[in-house]
């Protein structure tokens, strides 16, 4: 059900945003709200920029509630304060997420809370190395077997180190991408997922009838 994300290309979206094909693009896709940690993303971006000046940072998403508009203004001011005007793009709401994700080289999700986050599944299916928060249900989404680096959500320095490590090591990025795609294929495609569900139900049934 998510594997369609693995076959798209990001060329059109890169051209739309003015990214050169060789430009390292670090992205985030989430509703604009403080829970999602876009402020952490921007502080991380400023640190990444010091080590990889060519990097660009794409924030995809829009506000949902009027209360989020103030946070968006804070983020726009933070971009100015950090000197990231040239490097940062607010991409807004997108209906072409397969292409948008495919335009990225690393997906970052510094959410302060999170259950089962569908965009993380989509990012893995796209073949993106991921840096995500080690909170709530997020580790259950991405696993702990190499598809993602899991970090506390409010440590921009650690996030920057993880992102720089991925952008600077193509073998690491490729290995993470492969493990993410394998995880989606094994656990979250409709066929294997149905089989796993059936096995769990059979186990519960057998235990119940032995009592």
N, C-alpha and C. Protein backbone atom coordinates (compact mmCIF):
# COMPACT_ATOMS: atom_id res chain seq x y z
N UNK A 1 0.81 -1.21 0.00
CA UNK A 1 0.00 0.00 0.00
C UNK A 1 0.85 1.26 0.00
N UNK A 2 2.07 1.19 0.51
CA UNK A 2 2.95 2.35 0.52
C UNK A 2 4.05 2.26 -0.54
N UNK A 3 4.19 1.11 -1.21
CA UNK A 3 5.34 0.92 -2.08
C UNK A 3 5.34 1.83 -3.29
N UNK A 4 4.18 2.43 -3.63
CA UNK A 4 4.15 3.40 -4.71
C UNK A 4 5.12 4.53 -4.47
N UNK A 5 5.40 4.86 -3.22
CA UNK A 5 6.33 5.94 -2.90
C UNK A 5 7.75 5.62 -3.34
N UNK A 6 8.05 4.35 -3.57
CA UNK A 6 9.41 3.97 -3.89
C UNK A 6 9.75 4.16 -5.35
N UNK A 7 8.76 4.48 -6.22
CA UNK A 7 9.04 4.49 -7.64
C UNK A 7 8.97 5.90 -8.24
N UNK A 8 8.76 6.90 -7.43
CA UNK A 8 8.68 8.26 -7.94
C UNK A 8 10.08 8.88 -8.03
N UNK A 9 10.16 10.00 -8.78
CA UNK A 9 11.39 10.77 -8.82
C UNK A 9 11.09 12.18 -8.32
N UNK A 10 12.11 12.83 -7.83
CA UNK A 10 11.92 14.17 -7.29
C UNK A 10 12.40 15.28 -8.19
N UNK A 11 12.68 14.97 -9.46
CA UNK A 11 13.26 15.98 -10.35
C UNK A 11 12.36 17.20 -10.50
N UNK A 12 11.07 16.98 -10.70
CA UNK A 12 10.16 18.10 -10.93
C UNK A 12 10.09 19.01 -9.71
N UNK A 13 10.02 18.42 -8.51
CA UNK A 13 9.93 19.20 -7.29
C UNK A 13 11.24 19.94 -7.02
N UNK A 14 12.35 19.29 -7.29
CA UNK A 14 13.64 19.97 -7.13
C UNK A 14 13.71 21.19 -8.05
N UNK A 15 13.27 21.03 -9.27
CA UNK A 15 13.29 22.15 -10.21
C UNK A 15 12.36 23.26 -9.74
N UNK A 16 11.18 22.87 -9.22
CA UNK A 16 10.22 23.86 -8.72
C UNK A 16 10.82 24.74 -7.63
N UNK A 17 11.59 24.12 -6.73
CA UNK A 17 12.16 24.86 -5.61
C UNK A 17 13.55 25.41 -5.89
N UNK A 18 14.07 25.18 -7.08
CA UNK A 18 15.37 25.72 -7.45
C UNK A 18 16.54 24.96 -6.89
N UNK A 19 16.35 23.68 -6.59
CA UNK A 19 17.45 22.86 -6.09
C UNK A 19 18.21 22.25 -7.25
N UNK A 20 19.51 22.44 -7.27
CA UNK A 20 20.37 21.77 -8.22
C UNK A 20 20.31 20.26 -7.98
N UNK A 21 20.46 19.43 -9.03
CA UNK A 21 20.42 17.97 -8.82
C UNK A 21 21.40 17.46 -7.78
N UNK A 22 22.52 18.17 -7.61
CA UNK A 22 23.53 17.73 -6.64
C UNK A 22 23.34 18.33 -5.25
N UNK A 23 22.35 19.19 -5.08
CA UNK A 23 22.13 19.86 -3.79
C UNK A 23 21.62 18.88 -2.74
N UNK A 24 22.27 18.80 -1.58
CA UNK A 24 21.73 17.97 -0.49
C UNK A 24 20.47 18.63 0.08
N UNK A 25 19.36 17.90 0.08
CA UNK A 25 18.09 18.44 0.56
C UNK A 25 17.64 17.66 1.78
N UNK A 26 17.47 18.38 2.87
CA UNK A 26 16.98 17.79 4.12
C UNK A 26 15.55 18.26 4.30
N UNK A 27 14.62 17.32 4.52
CA UNK A 27 13.23 17.69 4.54
C UNK A 27 12.48 17.24 5.77
N UNK A 28 11.38 17.92 6.01
CA UNK A 28 10.43 17.59 7.06
C UNK A 28 9.04 17.78 6.46
N UNK A 29 8.13 16.87 6.77
CA UNK A 29 6.75 17.01 6.31
C UNK A 29 5.82 16.75 7.48
N UNK A 30 5.12 17.78 7.91
CA UNK A 30 4.22 17.66 9.05
C UNK A 30 3.39 18.93 9.15
N UNK A 31 2.28 18.81 9.82
CA UNK A 31 1.49 20.00 10.13
C UNK A 31 2.34 21.01 10.89
N UNK A 32 2.17 22.28 10.57
CA UNK A 32 2.92 23.34 11.26
C UNK A 32 2.31 23.55 12.63
N UNK A 33 2.95 22.99 13.64
CA UNK A 33 2.52 23.14 15.02
C UNK A 33 3.70 22.80 15.91
N UNK A 34 3.77 23.40 17.08
CA UNK A 34 4.96 23.24 17.93
C UNK A 34 5.23 21.80 18.31
N UNK A 35 4.19 20.97 18.39
CA UNK A 35 4.40 19.57 18.73
C UNK A 35 5.28 18.86 17.73
N UNK A 36 5.25 19.31 16.47
CA UNK A 36 5.99 18.64 15.41
C UNK A 36 7.46 19.04 15.37
N UNK A 37 7.85 20.07 16.10
CA UNK A 37 9.27 20.37 16.26
C UNK A 37 9.95 21.07 15.10
N UNK A 38 9.22 21.85 14.33
CA UNK A 38 9.88 22.58 13.24
C UNK A 38 10.94 23.54 13.75
N UNK A 39 10.79 24.04 14.97
CA UNK A 39 11.82 24.91 15.55
C UNK A 39 13.12 24.15 15.77
N UNK A 40 13.03 22.90 16.19
CA UNK A 40 14.22 22.06 16.34
C UNK A 40 14.86 21.83 14.97
N UNK A 41 14.03 21.59 13.97
CA UNK A 41 14.53 21.39 12.61
C UNK A 41 15.35 22.60 12.15
N UNK A 42 14.85 23.80 12.40
CA UNK A 42 15.56 25.00 11.95
C UNK A 42 16.86 25.20 12.72
N UNK A 43 16.85 24.96 14.02
CA UNK A 43 18.10 25.09 14.79
C UNK A 43 19.11 24.03 14.34
N UNK A 44 18.63 22.85 14.03
CA UNK A 44 19.49 21.82 13.46
C UNK A 44 20.06 22.27 12.12
N UNK A 45 19.18 22.88 11.28
CA UNK A 45 19.60 23.32 9.96
C UNK A 45 20.76 24.32 10.04
N UNK A 46 20.69 25.22 11.00
CA UNK A 46 21.76 26.21 11.13
C UNK A 46 23.10 25.54 11.44
N UNK A 47 23.06 24.47 12.20
CA UNK A 47 24.29 23.74 12.53
C UNK A 47 24.77 22.91 11.35
N UNK A 48 23.85 22.32 10.61
CA UNK A 48 24.23 21.56 9.42
C UNK A 48 24.86 22.49 8.39
N UNK A 49 24.29 23.67 8.24
CA UNK A 49 24.80 24.64 7.26
C UNK A 49 26.27 24.96 7.50
N UNK A 50 26.69 24.99 8.76
CA UNK A 50 28.09 25.31 9.06
C UNK A 50 29.04 24.25 8.50
N UNK A 51 28.58 23.02 8.45
CA UNK A 51 29.43 21.93 7.96
C UNK A 51 29.19 21.59 6.50
N UNK A 52 27.95 21.81 6.03
CA UNK A 52 27.62 21.53 4.63
C UNK A 52 26.90 22.76 4.07
N UNK A 53 27.64 23.77 3.65
CA UNK A 53 27.01 25.03 3.21
C UNK A 53 26.05 24.87 2.04
N UNK A 54 26.22 23.84 1.24
CA UNK A 54 25.35 23.65 0.07
C UNK A 54 23.99 23.07 0.43
N UNK A 55 23.82 22.60 1.66
CA UNK A 55 22.56 21.95 2.05
C UNK A 55 21.40 22.93 2.02
N UNK A 56 20.23 22.40 1.66
CA UNK A 56 18.99 23.17 1.68
C UNK A 56 17.96 22.44 2.53
N UNK A 57 16.99 23.20 3.05
CA UNK A 57 16.08 22.66 4.05
C UNK A 57 14.64 22.96 3.64
N UNK A 58 13.85 21.90 3.49
CA UNK A 58 12.50 22.01 2.98
C UNK A 58 11.50 21.59 4.05
N UNK A 59 10.65 22.53 4.46
CA UNK A 59 9.59 22.24 5.42
C UNK A 59 8.27 22.17 4.68
N UNK A 60 7.68 21.00 4.66
CA UNK A 60 6.40 20.79 3.98
C UNK A 60 5.30 20.71 5.03
N UNK A 61 4.19 21.38 4.78
CA UNK A 61 3.07 21.34 5.71
C UNK A 61 2.47 22.71 5.89
N UNK A 62 1.27 22.74 6.44
CA UNK A 62 0.57 23.98 6.67
C UNK A 62 -0.06 23.97 8.05
N UNK A 63 -0.54 25.11 8.48
CA UNK A 63 -1.25 25.19 9.76
C UNK A 63 -2.65 24.62 9.60
N UNK A 64 -3.18 24.10 10.69
CA UNK A 64 -4.54 23.56 10.68
C UNK A 64 -5.48 24.41 11.52
N UNK A 65 -4.97 24.90 12.66
CA UNK A 65 -5.78 25.70 13.56
C UNK A 65 -5.23 27.13 13.60
N UNK A 66 -6.08 28.10 13.85
CA UNK A 66 -5.61 29.49 13.97
C UNK A 66 -4.51 29.65 15.01
N UNK A 67 -4.53 28.83 16.06
CA UNK A 67 -3.50 28.93 17.10
C UNK A 67 -2.11 28.59 16.58
N UNK A 68 -2.05 27.87 15.47
CA UNK A 68 -0.76 27.50 14.89
C UNK A 68 -0.13 28.64 14.09
N UNK A 69 -0.93 29.64 13.74
CA UNK A 69 -0.40 30.73 12.92
C UNK A 69 0.70 31.50 13.66
N UNK A 70 0.55 31.66 14.97
CA UNK A 70 1.57 32.34 15.76
C UNK A 70 2.88 31.55 15.72
N UNK A 71 2.78 30.23 15.80
CA UNK A 71 3.99 29.40 15.73
C UNK A 71 4.66 29.55 14.36
N UNK A 72 3.88 29.61 13.29
CA UNK A 72 4.45 29.81 11.96
C UNK A 72 5.21 31.12 11.89
N UNK A 73 4.66 32.17 12.48
CA UNK A 73 5.36 33.46 12.51
C UNK A 73 6.67 33.34 13.30
N UNK A 74 6.64 32.59 14.38
CA UNK A 74 7.86 32.37 15.17
C UNK A 74 8.91 31.64 14.34
N UNK A 75 8.48 30.68 13.55
CA UNK A 75 9.41 29.94 12.70
C UNK A 75 10.02 30.85 11.64
N UNK A 76 9.20 31.71 11.06
CA UNK A 76 9.70 32.63 10.04
C UNK A 76 10.70 33.62 10.64
N UNK A 77 10.45 34.05 11.87
CA UNK A 77 11.42 34.93 12.55
C UNK A 77 12.69 34.16 12.88
N UNK A 78 12.55 32.90 13.25
CA UNK A 78 13.72 32.08 13.58
C UNK A 78 14.61 31.91 12.36
N UNK A 79 14.00 31.74 11.19
CA UNK A 79 14.78 31.66 9.96
C UNK A 79 15.64 32.90 9.78
N UNK A 80 15.07 34.06 10.04
CA UNK A 80 15.82 35.31 9.93
C UNK A 80 16.92 35.38 10.98
N UNK A 81 16.58 35.03 12.21
CA UNK A 81 17.56 35.10 13.30
C UNK A 81 18.75 34.17 13.05
N UNK A 82 18.49 33.03 12.44
CA UNK A 82 19.54 32.04 12.20
C UNK A 82 20.27 32.26 10.87
N UNK A 83 19.82 33.22 10.10
CA UNK A 83 20.45 33.49 8.82
C UNK A 83 20.23 32.40 7.79
N UNK A 84 19.02 31.83 7.79
CA UNK A 84 18.72 30.70 6.90
C UNK A 84 17.79 31.08 5.75
N UNK A 85 17.70 32.38 5.45
CA UNK A 85 16.73 32.81 4.44
C UNK A 85 17.00 32.14 3.09
N UNK A 86 18.26 32.02 2.71
CA UNK A 86 18.60 31.47 1.40
C UNK A 86 18.46 29.95 1.37
N UNK A 87 18.63 29.33 2.52
CA UNK A 87 18.68 27.86 2.56
C UNK A 87 17.34 27.20 2.85
N UNK A 88 16.36 27.94 3.34
CA UNK A 88 15.13 27.34 3.85
C UNK A 88 13.93 27.68 2.97
N UNK A 89 13.12 26.68 2.70
CA UNK A 89 11.87 26.87 1.96
C UNK A 89 10.72 26.29 2.75
N UNK A 90 9.67 27.08 2.93
CA UNK A 90 8.41 26.58 3.47
C UNK A 90 7.57 26.15 2.28
N UNK A 91 7.41 24.84 2.13
CA UNK A 91 6.76 24.31 0.94
C UNK A 91 5.26 24.29 1.00
N UNK A 92 4.68 24.53 2.19
CA UNK A 92 3.23 24.52 2.32
C UNK A 92 2.63 23.15 2.15
N UNK A 93 1.32 23.12 2.00
CA UNK A 93 0.59 21.86 1.82
C UNK A 93 0.86 21.32 0.42
N UNK A 94 1.10 20.03 0.30
CA UNK A 94 1.39 19.40 -0.99
C UNK A 94 0.45 18.22 -1.21
N UNK A 95 0.00 18.06 -2.43
CA UNK A 95 -0.77 16.89 -2.81
C UNK A 95 0.05 15.90 -3.61
N UNK A 96 1.34 16.19 -3.77
CA UNK A 96 2.23 15.32 -4.55
C UNK A 96 3.35 14.78 -3.65
N UNK A 97 2.96 14.21 -2.52
CA UNK A 97 3.96 13.79 -1.55
C UNK A 97 4.95 12.74 -2.08
N UNK A 98 4.55 11.80 -2.94
CA UNK A 98 5.57 10.88 -3.46
C UNK A 98 6.72 11.62 -4.14
N UNK A 99 6.40 12.58 -5.01
CA UNK A 99 7.44 13.35 -5.68
C UNK A 99 8.20 14.25 -4.70
N UNK A 100 7.46 14.85 -3.76
CA UNK A 100 8.10 15.75 -2.80
C UNK A 100 9.09 15.01 -1.92
N UNK A 101 8.70 13.85 -1.41
CA UNK A 101 9.63 13.05 -0.62
C UNK A 101 10.83 12.61 -1.45
N UNK A 102 10.57 12.24 -2.70
CA UNK A 102 11.66 11.78 -3.56
C UNK A 102 12.66 12.88 -3.88
N UNK A 103 12.27 14.15 -3.66
CA UNK A 103 13.19 15.26 -3.88
C UNK A 103 14.18 15.44 -2.73
N UNK A 104 13.97 14.73 -1.62
CA UNK A 104 14.82 14.88 -0.44
C UNK A 104 15.94 13.83 -0.42
N UNK A 105 16.98 14.16 0.33
CA UNK A 105 18.08 13.22 0.55
C UNK A 105 18.07 12.65 1.96
N UNK A 106 17.40 13.33 2.87
CA UNK A 106 17.31 12.89 4.26
C UNK A 106 16.01 13.44 4.83
N UNK A 107 15.28 12.59 5.55
CA UNK A 107 14.01 13.01 6.13
C UNK A 107 14.18 13.13 7.64
N UNK A 108 13.75 14.28 8.18
CA UNK A 108 13.93 14.56 9.60
C UNK A 108 12.56 14.78 10.24
N UNK A 109 12.35 14.13 11.38
CA UNK A 109 11.04 14.20 12.04
C UNK A 109 11.26 14.42 13.55
N UNK A 110 11.46 15.70 13.96
CA UNK A 110 11.77 15.98 15.36
C UNK A 110 10.53 16.21 16.22
N UNK A 111 9.49 15.42 16.00
CA UNK A 111 8.24 15.60 16.72
C UNK A 111 8.42 15.34 18.21
N UNK A 112 7.77 16.15 19.02
CA UNK A 112 7.84 15.97 20.47
C UNK A 112 6.86 14.90 20.96
N UNK A 113 5.91 14.54 20.13
CA UNK A 113 4.97 13.46 20.40
C UNK A 113 4.72 12.73 19.09
N UNK A 114 4.23 11.51 19.16
CA UNK A 114 3.90 10.84 17.91
C UNK A 114 3.45 9.42 18.15
N UNK A 115 2.40 9.03 17.47
CA UNK A 115 1.93 7.65 17.53
C UNK A 115 2.50 6.91 16.32
N UNK A 116 1.63 6.30 15.53
CA UNK A 116 2.11 5.62 14.32
C UNK A 116 2.03 6.62 13.18
N UNK A 117 3.18 7.14 12.74
CA UNK A 117 3.25 8.31 11.86
C UNK A 117 3.35 7.85 10.40
N UNK A 118 2.31 8.08 9.63
CA UNK A 118 2.26 7.54 8.27
C UNK A 118 3.36 8.12 7.37
N UNK A 119 3.73 9.40 7.56
CA UNK A 119 4.75 9.98 6.69
C UNK A 119 6.10 9.31 6.88
N UNK A 120 6.35 8.74 8.05
CA UNK A 120 7.59 8.00 8.25
C UNK A 120 7.60 6.72 7.43
N UNK A 121 6.45 6.06 7.34
CA UNK A 121 6.35 4.88 6.50
C UNK A 121 6.58 5.26 5.05
N UNK A 122 5.97 6.36 4.63
CA UNK A 122 6.12 6.83 3.26
C UNK A 122 7.57 7.20 2.96
N UNK A 123 8.25 7.83 3.92
CA UNK A 123 9.65 8.19 3.73
C UNK A 123 10.52 6.94 3.59
N UNK A 124 10.26 5.91 4.40
CA UNK A 124 11.02 4.67 4.25
C UNK A 124 10.77 4.03 2.90
N UNK A 125 9.50 4.01 2.47
CA UNK A 125 9.18 3.42 1.17
C UNK A 125 9.83 4.17 0.03
N UNK A 126 10.03 5.47 0.21
CA UNK A 126 10.71 6.28 -0.79
C UNK A 126 12.19 5.96 -0.86
N UNK A 127 12.73 5.42 0.21
CA UNK A 127 14.16 5.14 0.27
C UNK A 127 14.95 6.26 0.90
N UNK A 128 14.34 6.94 1.86
CA UNK A 128 15.02 8.04 2.54
C UNK A 128 15.61 7.59 3.86
N UNK A 129 16.87 7.89 4.12
CA UNK A 129 17.37 7.74 5.49
C UNK A 129 16.64 8.72 6.39
N UNK A 130 16.39 8.29 7.62
CA UNK A 130 15.52 9.06 8.51
C UNK A 130 16.23 9.37 9.82
N UNK A 131 16.01 10.58 10.32
CA UNK A 131 16.36 10.93 11.70
C UNK A 131 15.05 11.31 12.37
N UNK A 132 14.70 10.61 13.45
CA UNK A 132 13.39 10.78 14.06
C UNK A 132 13.49 10.78 15.58
N UNK A 133 12.43 11.26 16.20
CA UNK A 133 12.38 11.34 17.66
C UNK A 133 12.18 9.97 18.29
N UNK A 134 12.89 9.73 19.35
CA UNK A 134 12.78 8.47 20.10
C UNK A 134 11.71 8.64 21.18
N UNK A 135 10.47 8.84 20.74
CA UNK A 135 9.36 9.06 21.68
C UNK A 135 8.13 8.30 21.21
N UNK A 136 7.29 7.95 22.16
CA UNK A 136 5.96 7.38 21.90
C UNK A 136 6.06 6.22 20.90
N UNK A 137 5.22 6.25 19.85
CA UNK A 137 5.17 5.14 18.91
C UNK A 137 6.08 5.29 17.71
N UNK A 138 6.89 6.34 17.67
CA UNK A 138 7.75 6.57 16.51
C UNK A 138 8.76 5.44 16.31
N UNK A 139 9.43 4.95 17.37
CA UNK A 139 10.34 3.82 17.15
C UNK A 139 9.64 2.59 16.59
N UNK A 140 8.37 2.40 16.93
CA UNK A 140 7.63 1.26 16.37
C UNK A 140 7.44 1.43 14.87
N UNK A 141 7.32 2.67 14.41
CA UNK A 141 7.19 2.92 12.97
C UNK A 141 8.47 2.55 12.23
N UNK A 142 9.58 3.11 12.68
CA UNK A 142 10.82 3.00 11.90
C UNK A 142 11.72 1.86 12.35
N UNK A 143 11.43 1.27 13.53
CA UNK A 143 12.26 0.19 14.03
C UNK A 143 13.58 0.68 14.58
N UNK A 144 14.35 -0.29 15.06
CA UNK A 144 15.68 0.02 15.60
C UNK A 144 16.75 -0.84 14.92
N UNK A 145 16.49 -1.12 13.64
CA UNK A 145 17.40 -2.00 12.92
C UNK A 145 18.13 -1.30 11.79
N UNK A 146 18.27 0.04 11.88
CA UNK A 146 19.13 0.74 10.95
C UNK A 146 18.46 1.60 9.92
N UNK A 147 17.12 1.62 9.85
CA UNK A 147 16.45 2.47 8.88
C UNK A 147 16.45 3.93 9.33
N UNK A 148 16.60 4.15 10.63
CA UNK A 148 16.51 5.51 11.16
C UNK A 148 17.45 5.69 12.34
N UNK A 149 17.89 6.92 12.52
CA UNK A 149 18.58 7.32 13.74
C UNK A 149 17.52 7.90 14.66
N UNK A 150 17.44 7.39 15.88
CA UNK A 150 16.44 7.85 16.85
C UNK A 150 17.12 8.67 17.94
N UNK A 151 16.57 9.88 18.18
CA UNK A 151 17.20 10.83 19.10
C UNK A 151 16.16 11.51 19.97
N UNK A 152 16.58 12.04 21.13
CA UNK A 152 15.66 12.89 21.90
C UNK A 152 15.24 14.09 21.06
N UNK A 153 14.01 14.54 21.20
CA UNK A 153 13.50 15.55 20.26
C UNK A 153 14.05 16.96 20.42
N UNK A 154 14.65 17.30 21.53
CA UNK A 154 15.04 18.69 21.75
C UNK A 154 16.55 18.86 21.88
N UNK A 155 17.31 18.23 21.01
CA UNK A 155 18.77 18.34 21.02
C UNK A 155 19.25 18.63 19.60
N UNK A 156 19.15 19.88 19.14
CA UNK A 156 19.51 20.20 17.75
C UNK A 156 20.93 19.79 17.38
N UNK A 157 21.85 19.85 18.33
CA UNK A 157 23.22 19.46 18.03
C UNK A 157 23.33 18.00 17.64
N UNK A 158 22.65 17.13 18.39
CA UNK A 158 22.67 15.70 18.06
C UNK A 158 21.99 15.44 16.72
N UNK A 159 20.91 16.17 16.45
CA UNK A 159 20.22 16.00 15.17
C UNK A 159 21.12 16.44 14.01
N UNK A 160 21.82 17.55 14.20
CA UNK A 160 22.72 18.02 13.15
C UNK A 160 23.84 17.01 12.89
N UNK A 161 24.40 16.46 13.95
CA UNK A 161 25.46 15.46 13.78
C UNK A 161 24.95 14.25 12.98
N UNK A 162 23.73 13.82 13.29
CA UNK A 162 23.17 12.66 12.59
C UNK A 162 22.94 12.97 11.11
N UNK A 163 22.40 14.15 10.83
CA UNK A 163 22.13 14.52 9.44
C UNK A 163 23.42 14.68 8.65
N UNK A 164 24.41 15.35 9.24
CA UNK A 164 25.70 15.51 8.56
C UNK A 164 26.33 14.15 8.29
N UNK A 165 26.23 13.25 9.25
CA UNK A 165 26.77 11.91 9.06
C UNK A 165 26.14 11.20 7.89
N UNK A 166 24.83 11.35 7.73
CA UNK A 166 24.13 10.71 6.61
C UNK A 166 24.50 11.37 5.29
N UNK A 167 24.48 12.71 5.24
CA UNK A 167 24.78 13.40 3.99
C UNK A 167 26.23 13.18 3.54
N UNK A 168 27.12 12.98 4.50
CA UNK A 168 28.54 12.83 4.17
C UNK A 168 28.94 11.40 3.85
N UNK A 169 28.06 10.45 4.06
CA UNK A 169 28.41 9.04 3.89
C UNK A 169 27.34 8.36 3.04
N UNK A 170 27.59 8.29 1.74
CA UNK A 170 26.60 7.73 0.83
C UNK A 170 26.34 6.26 1.11
N UNK A 171 27.36 5.54 1.55
CA UNK A 171 27.14 4.13 1.87
C UNK A 171 26.20 3.97 3.05
N UNK A 172 26.36 4.82 4.06
CA UNK A 172 25.45 4.79 5.20
C UNK A 172 24.03 5.14 4.76
N UNK A 173 23.88 6.20 3.96
CA UNK A 173 22.56 6.60 3.48
C UNK A 173 21.90 5.49 2.68
N UNK A 174 22.67 4.83 1.82
CA UNK A 174 22.12 3.75 1.00
C UNK A 174 21.71 2.56 1.86
N UNK A 175 22.52 2.27 2.87
CA UNK A 175 22.20 1.15 3.77
C UNK A 175 20.92 1.44 4.56
N UNK A 176 20.77 2.66 5.04
CA UNK A 176 19.55 3.03 5.76
C UNK A 176 18.33 2.97 4.84
N UNK A 177 18.51 3.46 3.61
CA UNK A 177 17.41 3.42 2.64
C UNK A 177 16.97 1.99 2.37
N UNK A 178 17.94 1.11 2.18
CA UNK A 178 17.62 -0.29 1.91
C UNK A 178 16.87 -0.93 3.07
N UNK A 179 17.30 -0.64 4.29
CA UNK A 179 16.64 -1.23 5.45
C UNK A 179 15.24 -0.66 5.63
N UNK A 180 15.05 0.61 5.32
CA UNK A 180 13.72 1.20 5.40
C UNK A 180 12.77 0.58 4.40
N UNK A 181 13.21 0.43 3.17
CA UNK A 181 12.37 -0.19 2.15
C UNK A 181 12.04 -1.64 2.52
N UNK A 182 13.04 -2.34 3.03
CA UNK A 182 12.81 -3.73 3.41
C UNK A 182 11.79 -3.81 4.54
N UNK A 183 11.86 -2.87 5.48
CA UNK A 183 10.92 -2.88 6.60
C UNK A 183 9.49 -2.65 6.12
N UNK A 184 9.33 -1.70 5.22
CA UNK A 184 7.99 -1.44 4.68
C UNK A 184 7.47 -2.66 3.93
N UNK A 185 8.33 -3.24 3.09
CA UNK A 185 7.91 -4.40 2.31
C UNK A 185 7.55 -5.58 3.19
N UNK A 186 8.32 -5.76 4.27
CA UNK A 186 8.13 -6.94 5.13
C UNK A 186 6.97 -6.78 6.08
N UNK A 187 6.76 -5.57 6.59
CA UNK A 187 5.78 -5.40 7.66
C UNK A 187 4.55 -4.59 7.28
N UNK A 188 4.65 -3.75 6.25
CA UNK A 188 3.60 -2.76 6.05
C UNK A 188 2.95 -2.80 4.67
N UNK A 189 3.46 -3.61 3.75
CA UNK A 189 2.74 -3.82 2.52
C UNK A 189 1.51 -4.68 2.83
N UNK A 190 0.46 -4.55 2.05
CA UNK A 190 -0.81 -5.14 2.43
C UNK A 190 -0.74 -6.67 2.52
N UNK A 191 0.03 -7.31 1.64
CA UNK A 191 0.10 -8.77 1.66
C UNK A 191 0.76 -9.30 2.92
N UNK A 192 2.03 -8.92 3.18
CA UNK A 192 2.69 -9.37 4.42
C UNK A 192 1.95 -8.92 5.68
N UNK A 193 1.38 -7.72 5.65
CA UNK A 193 0.66 -7.23 6.83
C UNK A 193 -0.56 -8.09 7.12
N UNK A 194 -1.26 -8.47 6.08
CA UNK A 194 -2.42 -9.35 6.28
C UNK A 194 -1.99 -10.70 6.82
N UNK A 195 -0.87 -11.22 6.32
CA UNK A 195 -0.37 -12.52 6.79
C UNK A 195 0.04 -12.45 8.26
N UNK A 196 0.73 -11.38 8.64
CA UNK A 196 1.13 -11.22 10.03
C UNK A 196 -0.09 -11.08 10.94
N UNK A 197 -1.08 -10.34 10.48
CA UNK A 197 -2.31 -10.19 11.27
C UNK A 197 -2.99 -11.54 11.48
N UNK A 198 -3.05 -12.33 10.41
CA UNK A 198 -3.66 -13.66 10.51
C UNK A 198 -2.90 -14.55 11.49
N UNK A 199 -1.57 -14.45 11.48
CA UNK A 199 -0.76 -15.26 12.40
C UNK A 199 -1.00 -14.85 13.85
N UNK A 200 -1.11 -13.57 14.10
CA UNK A 200 -1.38 -13.10 15.46
C UNK A 200 -2.75 -13.58 15.92
N UNK A 201 -3.75 -13.47 15.06
CA UNK A 201 -5.09 -13.93 15.41
C UNK A 201 -5.12 -15.43 15.67
N UNK A 202 -4.37 -16.17 14.88
CA UNK A 202 -4.31 -17.62 15.09
C UNK A 202 -3.65 -17.95 16.42
N UNK A 203 -2.60 -17.23 16.78
CA UNK A 203 -1.93 -17.45 18.06
C UNK A 203 -2.87 -17.17 19.23
N UNK A 204 -3.59 -16.05 19.14
CA UNK A 204 -4.54 -15.71 20.20
C UNK A 204 -5.64 -16.76 20.29
N UNK A 205 -6.13 -17.21 19.16
CA UNK A 205 -7.19 -18.23 19.13
C UNK A 205 -6.72 -19.52 19.80
N UNK A 206 -5.49 -19.95 19.46
CA UNK A 206 -4.97 -21.19 20.02
C UNK A 206 -4.77 -21.08 21.52
N UNK A 207 -4.27 -19.94 21.99
CA UNK A 207 -4.08 -19.74 23.43
C UNK A 207 -5.43 -19.75 24.17
N UNK A 208 -6.41 -19.12 23.58
CA UNK A 208 -7.74 -19.05 24.20
C UNK A 208 -8.34 -20.44 24.33
N UNK A 209 -8.18 -21.27 23.32
CA UNK A 209 -8.82 -22.58 23.34
C UNK A 209 -8.03 -23.62 24.16
N UNK A 210 -6.81 -23.27 24.57
CA UNK A 210 -6.07 -24.18 25.46
C UNK A 210 -6.41 -23.94 26.91
N UNK A 211 -7.09 -22.84 27.19
CA UNK A 211 -7.41 -22.51 28.58
C UNK A 211 -8.57 -23.36 29.10
